[in-house]
Amino acid sequence: MNNGVLLTIGSAFIFSVMNALIKAASDTIPTAEIVFFRSIIGTVLILLLMKHSRIRFSSQGIPLLVLRGVFGALYLLAFVYTLANIPMADAVILAYLSPFFVLVFSRLILKETLPPRSVLLLLAVLTGAGLIVNPLDYDSYNLYALAGVASAAFAAGASITIKQLSKRHHTYEIVFYFLFIATLISAMLMADHFVIPQGVAWLYLIAIGVVSLLGQIFLTQAFSHENAAVVAVTRYIGIVFNILWGLMFWQEIPDSLTIAGGTVIVIASILLSNRKPVAAKTKMDEEKKSQQEKATVR
């Protein structure tokens, strides 16, 4: 097993730990407040990295940078809200719907042509999501699951903007706008519902901010050591880690619909991620860079 795959597995494990910390913190801390602490810690750390690397803020492309930040902030809020209210496995699987929305947005916004096979795979992803959301059996779970679907859509929107921004802006600057705007939006949302963290909750919140950056470093390094397609597929092992945490700490056992829907989504998403063959080394390098920039969504 090479370094790239090991780093990818490591990043998936670290992000699963972050998800478990978020779920644990959500017992006493509201969603917006969790996002606030996660974002403000990251903002400080990324500023330090920018200063160390002598990276200056751009005076161009600011509207698109802000839009990327808004998409990222909405992704975080929706994902944390979902994770706090439904089993970890369900929340994470729904977040993996983002390749579906990337294709849809690419077609609608960027006017990219979809291969015929992609249409069938998109329908398969929708079927898998339907099994998990289960709209025919309505209860409060469905609303939380729909928030999970929304988180995937917002993550895809962020990916589309990153694809454009990465041509002119450094990764650190893109990440800064994401975290800074998430800090501002979450601060406004939590203003009337702030809860002073008590005891271990402080540890959870600080750890969430630090662990998320550590996972990002592992993932970025993975893209520098391995083909982007291999990294994208290997990341799905994170679902297994999240299922294990849910089972160990919250006695969450995935039901048959979650297993069936998750299997369909994972297989279809893997095929969607590899829908464009790479014919030359130059193209491969460009794809790897694109995937590396998409990793900043997290």
Protein backbone atom coordinates (compact mmCIF):
# COMPACT_ATOMS: atom_id res chain seq x y z
CA MET A 1 0.00 0.00 0.00
CA ASN A 2 1.62 3.29 -1.10
CA ASN A 3 1.89 6.56 0.78
CA GLY A 4 -0.92 8.25 -1.16
CA VAL A 5 -3.45 5.58 -0.23
CA LEU A 6 -2.28 5.53 3.40
CA LEU A 7 -2.59 9.32 3.61
CA THR A 8 -6.08 9.14 2.11
CA ILE A 9 -7.17 6.52 4.64
CA GLY A 10 -5.61 8.64 7.37
CA SER A 11 -7.54 11.73 6.26
CA ALA A 12 -10.79 9.72 6.11
CA PHE A 13 -10.16 8.47 9.64
CA ILE A 14 -9.35 11.96 10.96
CA PHE A 15 -12.46 13.49 9.36
CA SER A 16 -14.56 10.68 10.87
CA VAL A 17 -13.13 11.60 14.28
CA MET A 18 -14.11 15.22 13.59
CA ASN A 19 -17.66 14.07 12.78
CA ALA A 20 -17.83 12.11 16.02
CA LEU A 21 -16.62 15.17 17.95
CA ILE A 22 -19.29 17.29 16.24
CA LYS A 23 -22.01 14.81 17.15
CA ALA A 24 -20.78 14.65 20.75
CA ALA A 25 -20.66 18.46 21.01
CA SER A 26 -24.16 18.77 19.54
CA ASP A 27 -25.64 17.26 22.71
CA THR A 28 -25.16 20.61 24.46
CA ILE A 29 -23.98 23.09 21.80
CA PRO A 30 -26.23 24.46 18.98
CA THR A 31 -25.29 23.89 15.34
CA ALA A 32 -24.35 27.49 14.55
CA GLU A 33 -22.07 27.68 17.58
CA ILE A 34 -20.23 24.50 16.58
CA VAL A 35 -19.70 25.92 13.09
CA PHE A 36 -18.51 29.19 14.62
CA PHE A 37 -15.79 27.59 16.74
CA ARG A 38 -14.77 25.24 13.92
CA SER A 39 -14.47 28.21 11.55
CA ILE A 40 -12.83 30.80 13.77
CA ILE A 41 -10.10 28.40 14.86
CA GLY A 42 -9.49 27.51 11.22
CA THR A 43 -9.46 31.19 10.24
CA VAL A 44 -6.71 31.97 12.74
CA LEU A 45 -4.66 28.96 11.65
CA ILE A 46 -4.99 29.72 7.93
CA LEU A 47 -3.97 33.35 8.53
CA LEU A 48 -0.84 32.11 10.27
CA LEU A 49 -0.10 29.84 7.30
CA MET A 50 -0.63 32.73 4.87
CA LYS A 51 1.72 34.92 6.86
CA HIS A 52 4.33 32.18 7.05
CA SER A 53 4.07 31.58 3.28
CA ARG A 54 3.95 35.33 2.52
CA ILE A 55 0.70 35.05 0.60
CA ARG A 56 -1.15 38.31 0.01
CA PHE A 57 -4.86 38.83 -0.49
CA SER A 58 -6.00 39.44 -4.06
CA SER A 59 -7.80 42.59 -5.15
CA GLN A 60 -9.58 40.76 -7.98
CA GLY A 61 -12.21 38.04 -8.06
CA ILE A 62 -13.55 38.99 -4.64
CA PRO A 63 -17.27 38.42 -5.49
CA LEU A 64 -16.54 34.81 -6.51
CA LEU A 65 -14.39 34.31 -3.42
CA VAL A 66 -17.27 35.53 -1.28
CA LEU A 67 -19.68 33.24 -3.11
CA ARG A 68 -17.36 30.30 -2.45
CA GLY A 69 -17.34 31.30 1.21
CA VAL A 70 -21.13 31.44 1.37
CA PHE A 71 -21.47 28.01 -0.24
CA GLY A 72 -18.90 26.60 2.18
CA ALA A 73 -20.62 28.16 5.18
CA LEU A 74 -24.02 26.81 4.16
CA TYR A 75 -22.46 23.38 3.61
CA LEU A 76 -21.02 23.37 7.12
CA LEU A 77 -24.27 24.53 8.73
CA ALA A 78 -26.38 21.98 6.87
CA PHE A 79 -23.95 19.11 7.48
CA VAL A 80 -23.51 19.80 11.20
CA TYR A 81 -27.30 20.16 11.59
CA THR A 82 -27.80 16.82 9.85
CA LEU A 83 -25.06 15.07 11.79
CA ALA A 84 -26.54 16.29 15.07
CA ASN A 85 -29.97 14.85 14.35
CA ILE A 86 -29.61 11.59 12.39
CA PRO A 87 -27.24 8.59 12.52
CA MET A 88 -23.66 9.33 11.47
CA ALA A 89 -23.74 6.81 8.62
CA ASP A 90 -26.81 8.41 7.05
CA ALA A 91 -25.44 11.95 7.36
CA VAL A 92 -22.08 11.06 5.82
CA ILE A 93 -23.56 9.01 2.98
CA LEU A 94 -25.86 11.90 2.05
CA ALA A 95 -22.87 14.26 2.04
CA TYR A 96 -21.27 11.97 -0.56
CA LEU A 97 -24.02 13.01 -2.97
CA SER A 98 -21.87 15.99 -3.95
CA PRO A 99 -20.50 14.39 -7.19
CA PHE A 100 -24.12 14.16 -8.36
CA PHE A 101 -24.68 17.88 -7.82
CA VAL A 102 -21.30 18.78 -9.33
CA LEU A 103 -22.40 17.14 -12.57
CA VAL A 104 -25.82 18.77 -12.48
CA PHE A 105 -24.39 22.23 -11.77
CA SER A 106 -21.70 21.74 -14.43
CA ARG A 107 -24.42 21.06 -16.96
CA LEU A 108 -26.75 23.87 -15.88
CA ILE A 109 -24.21 26.58 -15.05
CA LEU A 110 -21.04 25.76 -17.00
CA LYS A 111 -22.98 24.23 -19.93
CA GLU A 112 -20.73 21.16 -19.94
CA THR A 113 -21.91 18.17 -21.96
CA LEU A 114 -22.65 15.00 -19.99
CA PRO A 115 -21.74 11.57 -21.38
CA PRO A 116 -24.81 9.33 -21.88
CA ARG A 117 -23.65 6.99 -19.11
CA SER A 118 -23.67 9.86 -16.60
CA VAL A 119 -27.43 10.32 -16.96
CA LEU A 120 -28.05 6.73 -15.88
CA LEU A 121 -25.63 7.11 -12.97
CA LEU A 122 -27.36 10.31 -11.85
CA LEU A 123 -30.65 8.45 -11.77
CA ALA A 124 -28.99 5.72 -9.71
CA VAL A 125 -27.72 8.30 -7.21
CA LEU A 126 -31.21 9.78 -6.90
CA THR A 127 -32.59 6.31 -6.24
CA GLY A 128 -30.02 5.72 -3.50
CA ALA A 129 -30.80 9.06 -1.88
CA GLY A 130 -34.51 8.26 -2.04
CA LEU A 131 -33.94 5.01 -0.15
CA ILE A 132 -32.17 6.85 2.66
CA VAL A 133 -34.51 9.85 2.86
CA ASN A 134 -37.55 7.54 2.43
CA PRO A 135 -40.10 10.28 1.64
CA LEU A 136 -43.03 7.82 1.70
CA ASP A 137 -42.61 7.33 5.45
CA TYR A 138 -42.76 10.93 6.61
CA ASP A 139 -41.43 11.99 10.00
CA SER A 140 -38.96 14.54 11.38
CA TYR A 141 -36.07 12.36 10.15
CA ASN A 142 -36.90 13.25 6.58
CA LEU A 143 -36.35 16.97 7.21
CA TYR A 144 -32.94 16.29 8.73
CA ALA A 145 -32.07 13.99 5.81
CA LEU A 146 -33.10 16.67 3.33
CA ALA A 147 -30.70 19.04 5.12
CA GLY A 148 -28.04 16.41 4.44
CA VAL A 149 -28.92 16.45 0.74
CA ALA A 150 -28.70 20.25 0.85
CA SER A 151 -25.22 20.02 2.40
CA ALA A 152 -24.09 17.97 -0.60
CA ALA A 153 -25.56 20.56 -2.97
CA PHE A 154 -23.77 23.41 -1.19
CA ALA A 155 -20.50 21.45 -1.22
CA ALA A 156 -20.90 20.95 -4.96
CA GLY A 157 -21.52 24.68 -5.42
CA ALA A 158 -18.32 25.37 -3.53
CA SER A 159 -16.45 22.89 -5.75
CA ILE A 160 -17.67 24.62 -8.90
CA THR A 161 -16.45 28.01 -7.66
CA ILE A 162 -13.12 26.54 -6.53
CA LYS A 163 -12.61 25.19 -10.03
CA GLN A 164 -12.76 28.75 -11.33
CA LEU A 165 -10.91 30.41 -8.45
CA SER A 166 -7.95 27.99 -8.42
CA LYS A 167 -6.79 29.43 -11.75
CA ARG A 168 -5.92 32.79 -10.16
CA HIS A 169 -5.96 32.40 -6.38
CA HIS A 170 -3.82 30.49 -3.91
CA THR A 171 -5.48 27.65 -2.02
CA TYR A 172 -4.89 29.38 1.33
CA GLU A 173 -6.75 32.50 0.19
CA ILE A 174 -9.70 30.41 -1.02
CA VAL A 175 -9.81 28.53 2.30
CA PHE A 176 -9.57 31.80 4.24
CA TYR A 177 -12.69 33.23 2.58
CA PHE A 178 -14.52 29.97 3.28
CA LEU A 179 -13.66 29.94 6.98
CA PHE A 180 -13.95 33.69 7.56
CA ILE A 181 -17.40 33.95 5.97
CA ALA A 182 -18.51 30.81 7.82
CA THR A 183 -17.40 32.53 11.02
CA LEU A 184 -19.44 35.65 10.21
CA ILE A 185 -22.61 33.79 9.19
CA SER A 186 -22.52 31.38 12.12
CA ALA A 187 -21.84 34.26 14.54
CA MET A 188 -25.01 36.02 13.35
CA LEU A 189 -27.06 32.84 13.62
CA MET A 190 -25.86 31.96 17.10
CA ALA A 191 -26.22 35.49 18.55
CA ASP A 192 -29.57 34.80 20.20
CA HIS A 193 -28.87 31.16 21.06
CA PHE A 194 -25.33 31.21 22.41
CA VAL A 195 -24.59 28.56 25.01
CA ILE A 196 -21.50 28.92 27.18
CA PRO A 197 -19.58 25.65 26.75
CA GLN A 198 -19.09 23.69 29.94
CA GLY A 199 -16.34 21.25 30.82
CA VAL A 200 -15.62 18.71 28.08
CA ALA A 201 -17.59 20.75 25.52
CA TRP A 202 -14.64 23.16 25.32
CA LEU A 203 -12.37 20.23 24.48
CA TYR A 204 -14.77 19.06 21.76
CA LEU A 205 -14.95 22.51 20.13
CA ILE A 206 -11.20 23.14 20.15
CA ALA A 207 -10.49 19.61 18.92
CA ILE A 208 -12.96 20.03 16.03
CA GLY A 209 -11.06 23.06 14.74
CA VAL A 210 -7.62 21.46 15.09
CA VAL A 211 -8.62 18.01 13.79
CA SER A 212 -10.31 19.48 10.71
CA LEU A 213 -7.06 21.23 9.71
CA LEU A 214 -5.05 18.06 10.35
CA GLY A 215 -7.41 16.07 8.13
CA GLN A 216 -7.05 18.70 5.42
CA ILE A 217 -3.26 18.44 5.54
CA PHE A 218 -3.42 14.65 5.20
CA LEU A 219 -5.85 14.90 2.28
CA THR A 220 -3.78 17.53 0.47
CA GLN A 221 -0.66 15.40 0.88
CA ALA A 222 -2.57 12.38 -0.43
CA PHE A 223 -3.36 14.22 -3.67
CA SER A 224 0.32 15.07 -4.07
CA HIS A 225 1.33 11.39 -3.77
CA GLU A 226 -1.43 9.59 -5.63
CA ASN A 227 -3.69 9.79 -8.69
CA ALA A 228 -6.77 11.92 -7.96
CA ALA A 229 -9.16 9.15 -9.00
CA VAL A 230 -7.57 6.69 -6.56
CA VAL A 231 -7.80 9.22 -3.74
CA ALA A 232 -11.45 9.99 -4.55
CA VAL A 233 -12.39 6.30 -4.42
CA THR A 234 -10.32 5.50 -1.31
CA ARG A 235 -11.99 8.33 0.62
CA TYR A 236 -15.20 6.32 0.72
CA ILE A 237 -13.66 4.19 3.45
CA GLY A 238 -14.63 7.11 5.67
CA ILE A 239 -18.19 5.76 5.64
CA VAL A 240 -16.94 2.63 7.43
CA PHE A 241 -15.19 4.69 10.11
CA ASN A 242 -18.31 6.78 10.68
CA ILE A 243 -20.47 3.66 10.98
CA LEU A 244 -18.05 2.30 13.60
CA TRP A 245 -18.15 5.50 15.69
CA GLY A 246 -21.94 5.60 15.49
CA LEU A 247 -22.17 1.97 16.59
CA MET A 248 -19.61 2.32 19.40
CA PHE A 249 -20.80 5.55 21.00
CA TRP A 250 -24.45 5.98 19.98
CA GLN A 251 -25.54 2.39 19.27
CA GLU A 252 -26.53 3.40 15.73
CA ILE A 253 -27.10 0.34 13.56
CA PRO A 254 -27.70 1.14 9.85
CA ASP A 255 -31.00 -0.26 8.61
CA SER A 256 -31.53 -2.09 5.33
CA LEU A 257 -32.56 1.06 3.45
CA THR A 258 -29.42 2.91 4.54
CA ILE A 259 -27.22 -0.01 3.50
CA ALA A 260 -28.97 -0.38 0.13
CA GLY A 261 -29.08 3.37 -0.59
CA GLY A 262 -25.51 3.89 0.58
CA THR A 263 -24.22 1.08 -1.63
CA VAL A 264 -25.95 2.54 -4.69
CA ILE A 265 -24.69 6.06 -3.97
CA VAL A 266 -21.08 4.98 -3.37
CA ILE A 267 -20.85 2.82 -6.51
CA ALA A 268 -22.55 5.42 -8.72
CA SER A 269 -20.48 8.28 -7.27
CA ILE A 270 -17.23 6.38 -7.84
CA LEU A 271 -18.22 5.81 -11.46
CA LEU A 272 -19.23 9.46 -11.82
CA SER A 273 -15.90 10.61 -10.39
CA ASN A 274 -14.08 8.60 -13.05
CA ARG A 275 -16.32 9.47 -15.97
CA LYS A 276 -13.58 11.32 -17.92
CA PRO A 277 -10.59 9.22 -18.97
CA VAL A 278 -7.17 10.85 -18.71
CA ALA A 279 -5.31 10.53 -21.97
CA ALA A 280 -2.09 12.32 -21.22
CA LYS A 281 0.15 13.18 -18.30
CA THR A 282 -0.61 16.90 -18.63
CA LYS A 283 -4.31 16.21 -18.34
CA MET A 284 -3.66 13.99 -15.34
CA ASP A 285 -1.70 16.73 -13.59
CA GLU A 286 -4.49 19.24 -14.23
CA GLU A 287 -7.08 16.84 -12.85
CA LYS A 288 -4.99 16.16 -9.76
CA LYS A 289 -4.69 19.90 -9.11
CA SER A 290 -8.43 20.35 -9.58
CA GLN A 291 -9.21 17.55 -7.13
CA GLN A 292 -6.71 18.95 -4.65
CA GLU A 293 -8.43 22.32 -4.73
CA LYS A 294 -11.83 20.63 -4.25
CA ALA A 295 -10.49 19.12 -1.07
CA THR A 296 -10.57 22.60 0.48
CA VAL A 297 -14.36 22.27 0.74
CA ARG A 298 -13.91 20.41 3.95
